[in-house]
N, C-alpha and C. Protein backbone atom coordinates (compact mmCIF):
# COMPACT_ATOMS: atom_id res chain seq x y z
N MET A 1 6.16 -27.58 5.85
CA MET A 1 6.17 -26.34 6.58
C MET A 1 7.30 -26.38 7.61
N CYS A 2 7.91 -25.25 7.85
CA CYS A 2 9.00 -25.13 8.81
C CYS A 2 8.49 -25.50 10.20
N PRO A 3 9.24 -26.33 10.98
CA PRO A 3 8.77 -26.72 12.31
C PRO A 3 8.48 -25.52 13.21
N ALA A 4 9.26 -24.44 13.07
CA ALA A 4 9.04 -23.25 13.90
C ALA A 4 7.70 -22.59 13.59
N LEU A 5 7.15 -22.85 12.42
CA LEU A 5 5.89 -22.23 12.02
C LEU A 5 4.69 -23.11 12.30
N SER A 6 4.92 -24.40 12.60
CA SER A 6 3.80 -25.32 12.71
C SER A 6 3.04 -25.22 14.03
N LYS A 7 3.68 -24.81 15.12
CA LYS A 7 3.00 -24.73 16.41
C LYS A 7 2.82 -23.26 16.81
N PRO A 8 1.56 -22.83 16.95
CA PRO A 8 1.35 -21.42 17.33
C PRO A 8 1.79 -21.18 18.77
N PRO A 9 2.33 -19.98 19.04
CA PRO A 9 2.75 -19.67 20.41
C PRO A 9 1.53 -19.52 21.31
N PRO A 10 1.71 -19.74 22.61
CA PRO A 10 0.57 -19.59 23.53
C PRO A 10 0.21 -18.11 23.70
N GLY A 11 -1.01 -17.86 24.18
CA GLY A 11 -1.43 -16.50 24.46
C GLY A 11 -2.66 -16.09 23.67
N PRO A 12 -3.13 -14.86 23.88
CA PRO A 12 -4.31 -14.36 23.16
C PRO A 12 -4.04 -14.27 21.65
N LEU A 13 -5.10 -14.30 20.89
CA LEU A 13 -5.00 -14.29 19.42
C LEU A 13 -4.16 -13.14 18.88
N PRO A 14 -4.38 -11.88 19.30
CA PRO A 14 -3.54 -10.80 18.76
C PRO A 14 -2.05 -11.01 19.03
N GLN A 15 -1.75 -11.53 20.20
CA GLN A 15 -0.36 -11.79 20.54
C GLN A 15 0.22 -12.90 19.66
N ARG A 16 -0.56 -13.93 19.44
CA ARG A 16 -0.12 -15.04 18.58
C ARG A 16 0.07 -14.57 17.14
N LEU A 17 -0.87 -13.76 16.65
CA LEU A 17 -0.75 -13.23 15.28
C LEU A 17 0.50 -12.37 15.13
N LEU A 18 0.74 -11.52 16.11
CA LEU A 18 1.93 -10.67 16.06
C LEU A 18 3.20 -11.51 16.09
N ALA A 19 3.24 -12.52 16.94
CA ALA A 19 4.41 -13.40 17.01
C ALA A 19 4.63 -14.12 15.67
N ARG A 20 3.54 -14.58 15.07
CA ARG A 20 3.65 -15.26 13.77
C ARG A 20 4.14 -14.30 12.70
N TYR A 21 3.58 -13.08 12.70
CA TYR A 21 4.00 -12.07 11.72
C TYR A 21 5.48 -11.74 11.88
N LEU A 22 5.93 -11.55 13.11
CA LEU A 22 7.34 -11.22 13.35
C LEU A 22 8.26 -12.35 12.92
N LEU A 23 7.83 -13.58 13.16
CA LEU A 23 8.62 -14.73 12.72
C LEU A 23 8.71 -14.78 11.19
N LEU A 24 7.56 -14.62 10.53
CA LEU A 24 7.56 -14.62 9.07
C LEU A 24 8.36 -13.45 8.51
N LEU A 25 8.28 -12.32 9.16
CA LEU A 25 9.04 -11.15 8.73
C LEU A 25 10.54 -11.41 8.81
N ARG A 26 10.95 -12.13 9.85
CA ARG A 26 12.37 -12.45 10.00
C ARG A 26 12.81 -13.50 8.99
N LEU A 27 11.98 -14.55 8.78
CA LEU A 27 12.35 -15.65 7.90
C LEU A 27 12.19 -15.32 6.42
N HIS A 28 11.13 -14.61 6.09
CA HIS A 28 10.80 -14.31 4.69
C HIS A 28 10.33 -12.86 4.56
N PRO A 29 11.23 -11.90 4.73
CA PRO A 29 10.80 -10.49 4.78
C PRO A 29 10.09 -10.01 3.52
N LEU A 30 10.63 -10.32 2.36
CA LEU A 30 10.01 -9.84 1.11
C LEU A 30 8.63 -10.45 0.90
N LEU A 31 8.53 -11.75 1.05
CA LEU A 31 7.25 -12.44 0.86
C LEU A 31 6.21 -11.98 1.88
N THR A 32 6.64 -11.79 3.13
CA THR A 32 5.72 -11.34 4.18
C THR A 32 5.20 -9.94 3.88
N LYS A 33 6.08 -9.06 3.45
CA LYS A 33 5.67 -7.69 3.13
C LYS A 33 4.78 -7.67 1.89
N ALA A 34 5.09 -8.51 0.91
CA ALA A 34 4.25 -8.58 -0.30
C ALA A 34 2.86 -9.11 0.05
N ALA A 35 2.81 -10.14 0.89
CA ALA A 35 1.52 -10.72 1.28
C ALA A 35 0.69 -9.74 2.10
N SER A 36 1.33 -9.05 3.04
CA SER A 36 0.58 -8.08 3.84
C SER A 36 0.11 -6.92 2.98
N SER A 37 0.91 -6.53 2.00
CA SER A 37 0.49 -5.48 1.05
C SER A 37 -0.72 -5.94 0.25
N ALA A 38 -0.70 -7.19 -0.17
CA ALA A 38 -1.82 -7.73 -0.95
C ALA A 38 -3.10 -7.73 -0.13
N VAL A 39 -3.02 -8.23 1.08
CA VAL A 39 -4.21 -8.34 1.92
C VAL A 39 -4.77 -6.96 2.26
N LEU A 40 -3.91 -6.05 2.69
CA LEU A 40 -4.39 -4.73 3.09
C LEU A 40 -4.85 -3.90 1.90
N SER A 41 -4.23 -4.08 0.74
CA SER A 41 -4.68 -3.38 -0.46
C SER A 41 -6.07 -3.87 -0.87
N ALA A 42 -6.26 -5.18 -0.82
CA ALA A 42 -7.58 -5.75 -1.16
C ALA A 42 -8.63 -5.26 -0.17
N LEU A 43 -8.28 -5.22 1.11
CA LEU A 43 -9.22 -4.72 2.11
C LEU A 43 -9.57 -3.26 1.87
N GLY A 44 -8.60 -2.46 1.41
CA GLY A 44 -8.87 -1.07 1.08
C GLY A 44 -9.87 -0.94 -0.04
N SER A 45 -9.72 -1.77 -1.06
CA SER A 45 -10.67 -1.76 -2.18
C SER A 45 -12.05 -2.21 -1.72
N LEU A 46 -12.08 -3.23 -0.90
CA LEU A 46 -13.35 -3.72 -0.35
C LEU A 46 -14.01 -2.65 0.52
N LEU A 47 -13.22 -1.96 1.31
CA LEU A 47 -13.72 -0.86 2.13
C LEU A 47 -14.35 0.22 1.25
N SER A 48 -13.70 0.51 0.12
CA SER A 48 -14.25 1.50 -0.81
C SER A 48 -15.64 1.09 -1.28
N GLN A 49 -15.81 -0.18 -1.63
CA GLN A 49 -17.12 -0.65 -2.08
C GLN A 49 -18.16 -0.58 -0.97
N ILE A 50 -17.76 -0.92 0.24
CA ILE A 50 -18.69 -0.88 1.37
C ILE A 50 -19.13 0.56 1.63
N ILE A 51 -18.17 1.49 1.58
CA ILE A 51 -18.50 2.90 1.77
C ILE A 51 -19.44 3.37 0.66
N GLU A 52 -19.13 2.98 -0.56
CA GLU A 52 -19.97 3.38 -1.70
C GLU A 52 -21.39 2.82 -1.55
N ARG A 53 -21.50 1.59 -1.12
CA ARG A 53 -22.83 0.98 -0.92
C ARG A 53 -23.61 1.68 0.18
N SER A 54 -22.92 2.13 1.23
CA SER A 54 -23.61 2.79 2.33
C SER A 54 -24.14 4.17 1.93
N ARG A 55 -23.56 4.77 0.91
CA ARG A 55 -24.01 6.07 0.43
C ARG A 55 -25.25 5.98 -0.46
N LYS A 56 -25.48 4.80 -1.01
CA LYS A 56 -26.62 4.62 -1.91
C LYS A 56 -27.90 4.52 -1.12
N LYS A 57 -29.00 4.69 -1.82
CA LYS A 57 -30.32 4.61 -1.19
C LYS A 57 -30.56 3.20 -0.66
N PRO A 58 -31.23 3.12 0.48
CA PRO A 58 -31.58 1.80 1.00
C PRO A 58 -32.49 1.08 0.00
N GLY A 59 -32.29 -0.18 -0.11
CA GLY A 59 -33.10 -0.97 -1.04
C GLY A 59 -32.43 -1.19 -2.38
N SER A 60 -31.47 -0.34 -2.74
CA SER A 60 -30.76 -0.55 -4.01
C SER A 60 -29.55 -1.42 -3.71
N SER A 61 -29.77 -2.72 -3.75
CA SER A 61 -28.70 -3.64 -3.37
C SER A 61 -27.86 -3.99 -4.59
N LYS A 62 -26.59 -3.76 -4.44
CA LYS A 62 -25.63 -4.14 -5.46
C LYS A 62 -24.61 -5.02 -4.76
N SER A 63 -24.37 -6.19 -5.30
CA SER A 63 -23.44 -7.10 -4.63
C SER A 63 -22.01 -6.58 -4.77
N LEU A 64 -21.17 -7.03 -3.86
CA LEU A 64 -19.77 -6.63 -3.89
C LEU A 64 -19.08 -7.23 -5.11
N ASP A 65 -18.22 -6.43 -5.73
CA ASP A 65 -17.45 -6.87 -6.88
C ASP A 65 -16.08 -7.32 -6.38
N LEU A 66 -15.82 -8.60 -6.40
CA LEU A 66 -14.56 -9.12 -5.88
C LEU A 66 -13.39 -8.95 -6.83
N SER A 67 -13.68 -8.56 -8.08
CA SER A 67 -12.58 -8.35 -9.02
C SER A 67 -11.74 -7.13 -8.63
N GLY A 68 -12.38 -6.09 -8.04
CA GLY A 68 -11.63 -4.91 -7.60
C GLY A 68 -10.63 -5.26 -6.51
N PRO A 69 -11.07 -5.89 -5.42
CA PRO A 69 -10.09 -6.29 -4.40
C PRO A 69 -9.02 -7.25 -4.93
N LEU A 70 -9.39 -8.10 -5.87
CA LEU A 70 -8.39 -8.99 -6.46
C LEU A 70 -7.32 -8.19 -7.21
N ARG A 71 -7.74 -7.19 -7.98
CA ARG A 71 -6.76 -6.34 -8.69
C ARG A 71 -5.85 -5.62 -7.69
N PHE A 72 -6.44 -5.10 -6.62
CA PHE A 72 -5.63 -4.42 -5.61
C PHE A 72 -4.69 -5.38 -4.91
N ALA A 73 -5.13 -6.61 -4.68
CA ALA A 73 -4.26 -7.61 -4.06
C ALA A 73 -3.08 -7.93 -4.98
N ILE A 74 -3.34 -8.07 -6.26
CA ILE A 74 -2.26 -8.33 -7.22
C ILE A 74 -1.27 -7.18 -7.22
N TYR A 75 -1.80 -5.97 -7.26
CA TYR A 75 -0.93 -4.79 -7.27
C TYR A 75 -0.11 -4.73 -5.97
N GLY A 76 -0.75 -4.97 -4.85
CA GLY A 76 -0.05 -4.94 -3.57
C GLY A 76 1.04 -6.00 -3.48
N PHE A 77 0.71 -7.21 -3.96
CA PHE A 77 1.66 -8.32 -3.87
C PHE A 77 2.84 -8.15 -4.82
N LEU A 78 2.55 -7.74 -6.06
CA LEU A 78 3.61 -7.66 -7.07
C LEU A 78 4.36 -6.34 -7.09
N PHE A 79 3.72 -5.26 -6.64
CA PHE A 79 4.36 -3.95 -6.77
C PHE A 79 4.59 -3.25 -5.43
N THR A 80 3.52 -2.97 -4.69
CA THR A 80 3.67 -2.18 -3.46
C THR A 80 4.59 -2.85 -2.45
N GLY A 81 4.33 -4.11 -2.13
CA GLY A 81 5.15 -4.81 -1.14
C GLY A 81 6.61 -4.90 -1.52
N PRO A 82 6.92 -5.48 -2.69
CA PRO A 82 8.33 -5.60 -3.06
C PRO A 82 9.04 -4.25 -3.26
N PHE A 83 8.37 -3.32 -3.95
CA PHE A 83 9.00 -2.03 -4.17
C PHE A 83 9.29 -1.33 -2.84
N SER A 84 8.31 -1.32 -1.96
CA SER A 84 8.49 -0.64 -0.67
C SER A 84 9.59 -1.30 0.16
N HIS A 85 9.63 -2.62 0.14
CA HIS A 85 10.68 -3.35 0.86
C HIS A 85 12.06 -2.86 0.43
N TYR A 86 12.31 -2.86 -0.87
CA TYR A 86 13.63 -2.47 -1.37
C TYR A 86 13.86 -0.96 -1.26
N PHE A 87 12.82 -0.18 -1.45
CA PHE A 87 12.97 1.28 -1.35
C PHE A 87 13.42 1.68 0.05
N TYR A 88 12.78 1.15 1.07
CA TYR A 88 13.16 1.53 2.44
C TYR A 88 14.56 1.05 2.79
N LEU A 89 14.95 -0.11 2.32
CA LEU A 89 16.33 -0.57 2.56
C LEU A 89 17.33 0.33 1.85
N TYR A 90 17.03 0.66 0.61
CA TYR A 90 17.93 1.52 -0.17
C TYR A 90 18.00 2.92 0.44
N LEU A 91 16.88 3.41 0.90
CA LEU A 91 16.83 4.74 1.51
C LEU A 91 17.75 4.83 2.72
N GLU A 92 17.81 3.76 3.51
CA GLU A 92 18.70 3.72 4.68
C GLU A 92 20.16 3.82 4.25
N GLN A 93 20.50 3.20 3.13
CA GLN A 93 21.88 3.24 2.65
C GLN A 93 22.19 4.56 1.97
N LEU A 94 21.24 5.06 1.20
CA LEU A 94 21.45 6.29 0.43
C LEU A 94 21.54 7.51 1.34
N ILE A 95 20.62 7.60 2.31
CA ILE A 95 20.59 8.75 3.22
C ILE A 95 20.55 8.23 4.66
N PRO A 96 21.72 7.86 5.21
CA PRO A 96 21.75 7.39 6.59
C PRO A 96 21.31 8.50 7.56
N SER A 97 20.89 8.09 8.73
CA SER A 97 20.38 9.03 9.74
C SER A 97 21.38 10.10 10.14
N ASN A 98 22.67 9.80 10.03
CA ASN A 98 23.69 10.75 10.49
C ASN A 98 24.03 11.82 9.44
N VAL A 99 23.45 11.76 8.26
CA VAL A 99 23.68 12.78 7.22
C VAL A 99 22.94 14.05 7.63
N PRO A 100 23.56 15.21 7.45
CA PRO A 100 22.84 16.45 7.78
C PRO A 100 21.52 16.56 6.99
N PHE A 101 20.50 16.96 7.70
CA PHE A 101 19.14 17.13 7.13
C PHE A 101 18.59 15.82 6.54
N ALA A 102 19.00 14.70 7.10
CA ALA A 102 18.57 13.39 6.58
C ALA A 102 17.05 13.27 6.55
N MET A 103 16.39 13.74 7.58
CA MET A 103 14.93 13.61 7.65
C MET A 103 14.26 14.33 6.49
N VAL A 104 14.72 15.51 6.20
CA VAL A 104 14.13 16.30 5.11
C VAL A 104 14.51 15.71 3.75
N LYS A 105 15.75 15.30 3.60
CA LYS A 105 16.20 14.72 2.33
C LYS A 105 15.44 13.44 2.00
N ARG A 106 15.24 12.59 2.99
CA ARG A 106 14.48 11.35 2.78
C ARG A 106 13.05 11.67 2.34
N LEU A 107 12.45 12.61 3.04
CA LEU A 107 11.07 12.97 2.73
C LEU A 107 10.96 13.56 1.33
N LEU A 108 11.86 14.45 0.96
CA LEU A 108 11.82 15.06 -0.38
C LEU A 108 12.03 14.01 -1.47
N LEU A 109 12.96 13.09 -1.24
CA LEU A 109 13.19 12.03 -2.21
C LEU A 109 11.92 11.19 -2.40
N ASP A 110 11.30 10.81 -1.30
CA ASP A 110 10.09 10.01 -1.37
C ASP A 110 8.95 10.76 -2.05
N ARG A 111 8.70 11.98 -1.61
CA ARG A 111 7.52 12.73 -2.06
C ARG A 111 7.67 13.28 -3.47
N LEU A 112 8.88 13.74 -3.86
CA LEU A 112 9.04 14.40 -5.16
C LEU A 112 9.61 13.50 -6.25
N VAL A 113 10.39 12.51 -5.86
CA VAL A 113 11.02 11.65 -6.87
C VAL A 113 10.29 10.31 -7.01
N VAL A 114 9.90 9.72 -5.90
CA VAL A 114 9.32 8.37 -5.93
C VAL A 114 7.80 8.39 -6.10
N ALA A 115 7.11 9.23 -5.35
CA ALA A 115 5.63 9.21 -5.36
C ALA A 115 5.01 9.46 -6.74
N PRO A 116 5.45 10.47 -7.50
CA PRO A 116 4.78 10.71 -8.79
C PRO A 116 4.82 9.52 -9.76
N PRO A 117 6.00 8.91 -10.01
CA PRO A 117 5.98 7.77 -10.93
C PRO A 117 5.29 6.53 -10.35
N PHE A 118 5.36 6.37 -9.02
CA PHE A 118 4.71 5.21 -8.42
C PHE A 118 3.19 5.32 -8.54
N LEU A 119 2.66 6.52 -8.42
CA LEU A 119 1.23 6.74 -8.62
C LEU A 119 0.85 6.50 -10.07
N LEU A 120 1.69 6.94 -10.98
CA LEU A 120 1.46 6.69 -12.41
C LEU A 120 1.47 5.19 -12.68
N LEU A 121 2.38 4.47 -12.06
CA LEU A 121 2.43 3.01 -12.19
C LEU A 121 1.13 2.39 -11.70
N PHE A 122 0.62 2.90 -10.58
CA PHE A 122 -0.65 2.39 -10.06
C PHE A 122 -1.75 2.51 -11.12
N PHE A 123 -1.90 3.69 -11.69
CA PHE A 123 -2.94 3.90 -12.71
C PHE A 123 -2.72 2.97 -13.90
N PHE A 124 -1.47 2.81 -14.33
CA PHE A 124 -1.16 1.97 -15.49
C PHE A 124 -1.47 0.50 -15.22
N ILE A 125 -1.02 -0.01 -14.08
CA ILE A 125 -1.24 -1.43 -13.76
C ILE A 125 -2.72 -1.71 -13.58
N MET A 126 -3.43 -0.83 -12.89
CA MET A 126 -4.87 -1.03 -12.72
C MET A 126 -5.58 -1.02 -14.06
N ASN A 127 -5.15 -0.15 -14.95
CA ASN A 127 -5.72 -0.11 -16.30
C ASN A 127 -5.51 -1.45 -17.01
N LEU A 128 -4.31 -2.00 -16.89
CA LEU A 128 -4.01 -3.31 -17.50
C LEU A 128 -4.85 -4.42 -16.88
N LEU A 129 -4.91 -4.42 -15.54
CA LEU A 129 -5.66 -5.47 -14.85
C LEU A 129 -7.16 -5.39 -15.13
N GLU A 130 -7.65 -4.20 -15.46
CA GLU A 130 -9.06 -4.04 -15.83
C GLU A 130 -9.30 -4.39 -17.29
N GLY A 131 -8.22 -4.65 -18.03
CA GLY A 131 -8.34 -5.01 -19.45
C GLY A 131 -8.68 -3.83 -20.34
N LYS A 132 -8.35 -2.62 -19.90
CA LYS A 132 -8.64 -1.42 -20.68
C LYS A 132 -7.46 -1.10 -21.60
N ASP A 133 -7.76 -0.34 -22.67
CA ASP A 133 -6.68 0.02 -23.60
C ASP A 133 -5.99 1.32 -23.17
N LEU A 134 -4.96 1.69 -23.92
CA LEU A 134 -4.16 2.85 -23.54
C LEU A 134 -4.91 4.17 -23.64
N SER A 135 -5.92 4.23 -24.49
CA SER A 135 -6.69 5.48 -24.58
C SER A 135 -7.46 5.73 -23.28
N VAL A 136 -7.96 4.67 -22.67
CA VAL A 136 -8.65 4.80 -21.38
C VAL A 136 -7.66 5.24 -20.31
N PHE A 137 -6.46 4.64 -20.33
CA PHE A 137 -5.41 5.02 -19.40
C PHE A 137 -5.07 6.50 -19.56
N ALA A 138 -4.88 6.94 -20.80
CA ALA A 138 -4.54 8.34 -21.05
C ALA A 138 -5.64 9.27 -20.54
N GLU A 139 -6.89 8.88 -20.72
CA GLU A 139 -8.01 9.70 -20.25
C GLU A 139 -8.03 9.75 -18.71
N LYS A 140 -7.79 8.61 -18.07
CA LYS A 140 -7.75 8.59 -16.60
C LYS A 140 -6.63 9.47 -16.06
N ILE A 141 -5.49 9.43 -16.72
CA ILE A 141 -4.36 10.25 -16.29
C ILE A 141 -4.71 11.72 -16.47
N LYS A 142 -5.26 12.04 -17.61
CA LYS A 142 -5.63 13.43 -17.90
C LYS A 142 -6.67 13.94 -16.91
N ARG A 143 -7.63 13.08 -16.59
CA ARG A 143 -8.75 13.47 -15.74
C ARG A 143 -8.41 13.43 -14.24
N GLY A 144 -7.57 12.48 -13.80
CA GLY A 144 -7.43 12.29 -12.37
C GLY A 144 -6.04 12.28 -11.77
N TYR A 145 -5.00 12.23 -12.59
CA TYR A 145 -3.65 12.06 -12.02
C TYR A 145 -3.24 13.23 -11.14
N TRP A 146 -3.36 14.44 -11.65
CA TRP A 146 -2.87 15.61 -10.91
C TRP A 146 -3.62 15.76 -9.58
N ALA A 147 -4.94 15.63 -9.61
CA ALA A 147 -5.72 15.74 -8.37
C ALA A 147 -5.33 14.64 -7.38
N THR A 148 -5.10 13.44 -7.89
CA THR A 148 -4.72 12.33 -7.02
C THR A 148 -3.32 12.53 -6.45
N LEU A 149 -2.41 13.04 -7.27
CA LEU A 149 -1.06 13.30 -6.79
C LEU A 149 -1.07 14.37 -5.70
N LYS A 150 -1.85 15.42 -5.88
CA LYS A 150 -1.95 16.46 -4.84
C LYS A 150 -2.52 15.87 -3.55
N MET A 151 -3.53 15.01 -3.68
CA MET A 151 -4.09 14.37 -2.49
C MET A 151 -3.05 13.44 -1.86
N ASN A 152 -2.29 12.76 -2.69
CA ASN A 152 -1.21 11.89 -2.20
C ASN A 152 -0.23 12.71 -1.37
N TRP A 153 0.17 13.85 -1.87
CA TRP A 153 1.11 14.70 -1.13
C TRP A 153 0.51 15.16 0.19
N LYS A 154 -0.78 15.50 0.18
CA LYS A 154 -1.42 15.96 1.42
C LYS A 154 -1.50 14.84 2.46
N VAL A 155 -1.93 13.68 2.01
CA VAL A 155 -2.14 12.56 2.95
C VAL A 155 -0.83 11.92 3.36
N TRP A 156 0.02 11.62 2.38
CA TRP A 156 1.19 10.81 2.65
C TRP A 156 2.41 11.56 3.16
N THR A 157 2.47 12.87 2.98
CA THR A 157 3.67 13.59 3.43
C THR A 157 3.87 13.46 4.94
N PRO A 158 2.86 13.76 5.77
CA PRO A 158 3.11 13.56 7.21
C PRO A 158 3.30 12.08 7.59
N VAL A 159 2.56 11.20 6.90
CA VAL A 159 2.70 9.76 7.18
C VAL A 159 4.11 9.30 6.85
N GLN A 160 4.60 9.69 5.69
CA GLN A 160 5.94 9.25 5.29
C GLN A 160 7.03 9.90 6.13
N PHE A 161 6.81 11.12 6.58
CA PHE A 161 7.80 11.74 7.46
C PHE A 161 7.99 10.87 8.70
N ILE A 162 6.88 10.45 9.28
CA ILE A 162 6.94 9.58 10.47
C ILE A 162 7.53 8.22 10.08
N ASN A 163 7.05 7.65 8.99
CA ASN A 163 7.45 6.31 8.59
C ASN A 163 8.95 6.22 8.31
N ILE A 164 9.47 7.10 7.49
CA ILE A 164 10.87 6.95 7.08
C ILE A 164 11.87 7.50 8.09
N ASN A 165 11.37 8.19 9.09
CA ASN A 165 12.28 8.75 10.07
C ASN A 165 12.16 8.16 11.47
N TYR A 166 11.02 7.56 11.80
CA TYR A 166 10.82 7.08 13.17
C TYR A 166 10.43 5.60 13.28
N VAL A 167 9.86 5.02 12.24
CA VAL A 167 9.45 3.62 12.27
C VAL A 167 10.66 2.76 11.92
N PRO A 168 10.95 1.70 12.69
CA PRO A 168 12.06 0.81 12.33
C PRO A 168 11.87 0.26 10.92
N VAL A 169 12.98 0.12 10.21
CA VAL A 169 12.93 -0.21 8.77
C VAL A 169 12.12 -1.48 8.49
N GLN A 170 12.19 -2.48 9.36
CA GLN A 170 11.48 -3.73 9.10
C GLN A 170 9.96 -3.57 9.21
N PHE A 171 9.49 -2.49 9.84
CA PHE A 171 8.05 -2.28 10.00
C PHE A 171 7.49 -1.18 9.09
N ARG A 172 8.32 -0.59 8.27
CA ARG A 172 7.86 0.53 7.44
C ARG A 172 6.83 0.11 6.41
N VAL A 173 7.00 -1.04 5.81
CA VAL A 173 6.02 -1.49 4.82
C VAL A 173 4.68 -1.74 5.51
N LEU A 174 4.69 -2.39 6.66
CA LEU A 174 3.45 -2.65 7.38
C LEU A 174 2.78 -1.34 7.80
N PHE A 175 3.55 -0.41 8.34
CA PHE A 175 3.00 0.89 8.72
C PHE A 175 2.36 1.57 7.51
N GLY A 176 3.09 1.60 6.41
CA GLY A 176 2.55 2.19 5.18
C GLY A 176 1.31 1.46 4.70
N ASN A 177 1.30 0.14 4.81
CA ASN A 177 0.14 -0.64 4.37
C ASN A 177 -1.09 -0.36 5.22
N LEU A 178 -0.89 -0.14 6.50
CA LEU A 178 -2.04 0.16 7.36
C LEU A 178 -2.66 1.50 6.99
N VAL A 179 -1.84 2.49 6.69
CA VAL A 179 -2.36 3.77 6.23
C VAL A 179 -2.93 3.61 4.82
N ALA A 180 -2.26 2.79 4.01
CA ALA A 180 -2.71 2.56 2.63
C ALA A 180 -4.07 1.88 2.57
N LEU A 181 -4.43 1.18 3.61
CA LEU A 181 -5.77 0.58 3.65
C LEU A 181 -6.81 1.65 3.32
N PHE A 182 -6.67 2.81 3.92
CA PHE A 182 -7.60 3.91 3.68
C PHE A 182 -7.27 4.67 2.40
N TRP A 183 -5.99 4.76 2.08
CA TRP A 183 -5.57 5.41 0.83
C TRP A 183 -6.10 4.63 -0.37
N PHE A 184 -6.00 3.30 -0.34
CA PHE A 184 -6.51 2.49 -1.45
C PHE A 184 -8.03 2.57 -1.53
N ALA A 185 -8.68 2.73 -0.40
CA ALA A 185 -10.13 2.95 -0.43
C ALA A 185 -10.42 4.24 -1.19
N TYR A 186 -9.61 5.27 -0.93
CA TYR A 186 -9.75 6.54 -1.67
C TYR A 186 -9.46 6.34 -3.15
N LEU A 187 -8.33 5.70 -3.48
CA LEU A 187 -7.96 5.48 -4.88
C LEU A 187 -9.02 4.66 -5.62
N ALA A 188 -9.53 3.64 -4.96
CA ALA A 188 -10.54 2.80 -5.60
C ALA A 188 -11.80 3.60 -5.88
N SER A 189 -12.12 4.54 -5.00
CA SER A 189 -13.33 5.32 -5.21
C SER A 189 -13.16 6.38 -6.29
N ILE A 190 -11.92 6.95 -6.46
CA ILE A 190 -11.75 8.00 -7.46
C ILE A 190 -11.37 7.46 -8.82
N LYS A 191 -10.85 6.25 -8.88
CA LYS A 191 -10.39 5.75 -10.17
C LYS A 191 -11.52 5.33 -11.08
N LYS A 192 -12.75 5.29 -10.56
CA LYS A 192 -13.89 4.85 -11.36
C LYS A 192 -14.34 5.93 -12.30
């Protein structure tokens, strides 16, 4: 382990965690963003199960299914974290802040060009990780893609406007992941 990582900084736990995260973000940005995406995606799936359990009648105990959070962690680690890392860097180069209407152009690119296929990728990868065949995938897309995309636009448009225009680029994945904690809880609940 790197000597700089072996000794935790002094101070309260939240301060130490933030210092460790910032150090890891500086030393290993892609891996740090992928790992935080994995953890927060899994927590979103777990949150979905907890919410679902709380809606059921008392006494009907169903244990938590850890395969769902594991699938979300895999998706977050392999897809959301790395893709978001590179997308936000590329977005800064493609549409710099000094370009006229940069804020609107960035938002339109994200919402109309990137979001639809990325949501489709989510459905496809989850289908694969669940071991389902393409007919199940096609049925899920037919049944839920459009409604989910509309909800994505409603939820993520204001979030992404803030994220891609006001959040420093190194923190955009984390900001998105924190909101995605609840978004993945929604996706996990509707994808069933």
